[in-house]
Every structure is written in C-alpha cells, then in structure tokens.
C-alpha cells in the first residue's frame, strides 16, 4: 500500500508539473494534518554549487528558506518546528529528496540553522502544510 501511495503521488505531481492536472492528491500530512519525523539539511560548502538547478528548475541557494520533499508538490509552504526547542521556520518546497527514507524533509542549511545546530545534522520536527 505504501508503494502504491508513493507511485500515485509521484504520478500526480508529474501531471501537475506537466500542466496535465490542476489538483493533486497529497500525502496525509499535506491536508493540514501534522506529521512528526526526522529532518536533515543539505547545502554544506562544496556539496552543491550555488545556483545549481534544483529539481524544480530554480537555482539552489543554501541560505534560502527552502526544502526538498519526496511527496509535496513544488511551491508548497511547510511550517517545520523543532520538537526539542519549539523553534520553527516556514519553507517552500523546490527540490526532491531526501534520498534516505528515514528522513521526511531536507532543509537548506539556512533553514535548518534557524531551528537547530547544523553540527547536529538531524533533528526531530513536526511538519504542517500552511499553503499549497
């Protein structure tokens, strides 16, 4: 069932991106529900060149309030809250990932640093879609 849901989400997102659909079935947390999971970050110096195209085609900016998600459509605004300290940041999905399925969202270095220490690398968060 999980695989079927992932496949339908990928196909719906592809149709939306290609202009073949105007709405898309989103994962359970995308309907305003809250998901608790592990967040990581990307964009360490030397990892991805500034300006490199993200999956959405936008130039990568390690300091932008942006994120990579396997499930959510590009442009979705997500409030990410660190469960340890209550700090939150709102990011916009503009890339795909993380590839490690134990993580639910990959924040840019700039976004992650607002809610947790980048030296830590990972943090428990809640995700709440605020606009899509």
Protein backbone atom coordinates (compact mmCIF):
# COMPACT_ATOMS: atom_id res chain seq x y z
CA UNK A 1 0.00 0.00 0.00
CA UNK A 2 2.83 2.41 0.82
CA UNK A 3 4.42 1.85 -2.60
CA UNK A 4 1.09 2.41 -4.36
CA UNK A 5 0.62 5.69 -2.48
CA UNK A 6 4.14 6.86 -3.38
CA UNK A 7 3.63 5.94 -7.03
CA UNK A 8 0.30 7.78 -7.21
CA UNK A 9 1.84 10.84 -5.55
CA UNK A 10 4.76 10.85 -7.98
CA UNK A 11 2.44 10.44 -10.97
CA UNK A 12 0.09 13.15 -9.74
CA UNK A 13 2.99 15.52 -9.10
CA UNK A 14 4.39 14.81 -12.57
CA UNK A 15 0.98 15.50 -14.13
CA UNK A 16 0.68 18.74 -12.18
CA UNK A 17 4.18 19.82 -13.20
CA UNK A 18 3.47 18.98 -16.84
CA UNK A 19 0.26 21.02 -16.74
CA UNK A 20 -1.95 17.95 -17.16
CA UNK A 21 -3.71 18.41 -13.83
CA UNK A 22 -4.70 21.31 -11.64
CA UNK A 23 -5.01 19.39 -8.39
CA UNK A 24 -3.04 16.56 -6.92
CA UNK A 25 -3.71 14.00 -4.20
CA UNK A 26 -1.32 14.87 -1.39
CA UNK A 27 0.05 12.71 1.41
CA UNK A 28 -1.90 12.65 4.67
CA UNK A 29 0.19 15.44 6.26
CA UNK A 30 -0.47 17.71 3.28
CA UNK A 31 -4.13 18.24 4.12
CA UNK A 32 -3.40 20.38 7.16
CA UNK A 33 -2.50 17.47 9.40
CA UNK A 34 0.75 17.42 11.33
CA UNK A 35 3.49 14.86 10.74
CA UNK A 36 6.32 14.18 13.19
CA UNK A 37 9.53 12.94 11.62
CA UNK A 38 13.27 13.47 11.20
CA UNK A 39 14.62 16.41 9.21
CA UNK A 40 18.07 16.72 7.71
CA UNK A 41 19.83 19.54 5.89
CA UNK A 42 21.80 19.97 2.70
CA UNK A 43 23.95 22.63 1.09
CA UNK A 44 27.20 22.31 3.00
CA UNK A 45 30.05 24.27 1.39
CA UNK A 46 31.24 22.31 -1.62
CA UNK A 47 28.25 19.94 -1.66
CA UNK A 48 26.02 21.73 -4.17
CA UNK A 49 27.18 24.77 -6.15
CA UNK A 50 25.23 27.99 -5.51
CA UNK A 51 22.87 28.48 -8.45
CA UNK A 52 22.83 24.80 -9.43
CA UNK A 53 19.32 23.91 -10.67
CA UNK A 54 17.06 22.26 -8.12
CA UNK A 55 14.52 19.65 -9.26
CA UNK A 56 12.01 22.47 -9.80
CA UNK A 57 14.48 24.31 -12.01
CA UNK A 58 15.06 27.12 -9.50
CA UNK A 59 18.68 27.98 -8.71
CA UNK A 60 19.90 26.40 -5.48
CA UNK A 61 20.52 28.81 -2.61
CA UNK A 62 21.91 27.26 0.57
CA UNK A 63 20.59 30.19 2.65
CA UNK A 64 17.06 30.25 1.20
CA UNK A 65 14.07 29.17 3.27
CA UNK A 66 13.56 26.15 1.05
CA UNK A 67 13.36 22.38 1.30
CA UNK A 68 13.37 19.10 -0.55
CA UNK A 69 10.45 16.68 -0.19
CA UNK A 70 9.70 13.36 -1.83
CA UNK A 71 5.93 13.88 -1.52
CA UNK A 72 4.89 17.50 -1.61
CA UNK A 73 4.42 19.48 -4.83
CA UNK A 74 6.83 22.28 -5.68
CA UNK A 75 5.73 25.58 -4.15
CA UNK A 76 4.12 24.03 -1.07
CA UNK A 77 4.74 26.11 2.07
CA UNK A 78 5.55 23.98 5.12
CA UNK A 79 5.98 25.06 8.74
CA UNK A 80 8.80 22.99 10.22
CA UNK A 81 9.04 23.03 14.02
CA UNK A 82 11.88 21.54 16.04
CA UNK A 83 10.23 19.35 18.69
CA UNK A 84 13.14 19.86 21.11
CA UNK A 85 13.17 23.66 21.27
CA UNK A 86 9.90 24.81 19.66
CA UNK A 87 11.65 26.96 17.06
CA UNK A 88 10.00 26.94 13.65
CA UNK A 89 10.63 28.10 10.12
CA UNK A 90 8.37 28.20 7.07
CA UNK A 91 9.98 26.80 3.94
CA UNK A 92 8.90 26.35 0.34
CA UNK A 93 9.41 23.01 -1.39
CA UNK A 94 11.56 23.49 -4.50
CA UNK A 95 13.56 20.27 -4.65
CA UNK A 96 13.24 16.49 -4.33
CA UNK A 97 14.68 14.40 -1.53
CA UNK A 98 15.84 13.32 0.90
CA UNK A 99 17.01 10.03 -0.56
CA UNK A 100 17.26 8.43 2.90
CA UNK A 101 13.69 7.31 3.59
CA UNK A 102 14.19 7.55 7.36
CA UNK A 103 14.03 11.33 6.88
CA UNK A 104 10.92 13.21 5.79
CA UNK A 105 12.31 16.55 4.68
CA UNK A 106 15.66 18.01 3.73
CA UNK A 107 16.06 21.67 4.66
CA UNK A 108 18.59 24.07 3.20
CA UNK A 109 21.45 24.93 5.54
CA UNK A 110 19.92 28.37 6.12
CA UNK A 111 16.51 26.99 7.09
CA UNK A 112 17.91 24.24 9.30
CA UNK A 113 20.21 26.68 11.12
CA UNK A 114 17.18 28.70 12.22
CA UNK A 115 15.73 25.77 14.16
CA UNK A 116 18.73 23.59 15.08
CA UNK A 117 22.51 23.40 15.15
CA UNK A 118 23.80 22.28 11.75
CA UNK A 119 26.60 20.38 13.55
CA UNK A 120 23.87 18.10 14.86
CA UNK A 121 22.83 17.21 11.28
CA UNK A 122 19.41 15.80 12.10
CA UNK A 123 16.53 16.89 14.30
CA UNK A 124 13.02 15.73 15.14
CA UNK A 125 10.39 18.05 13.70
CA UNK A 126 6.73 18.45 13.05
CA UNK A 127 5.63 19.36 9.54
CA UNK A 128 2.47 21.31 8.83
CA UNK A 129 1.46 22.41 5.37
CA UNK A 130 0.44 26.07 5.59
CA UNK A 131 -0.18 26.69 1.87
CA UNK A 132 -0.03 24.67 -1.31
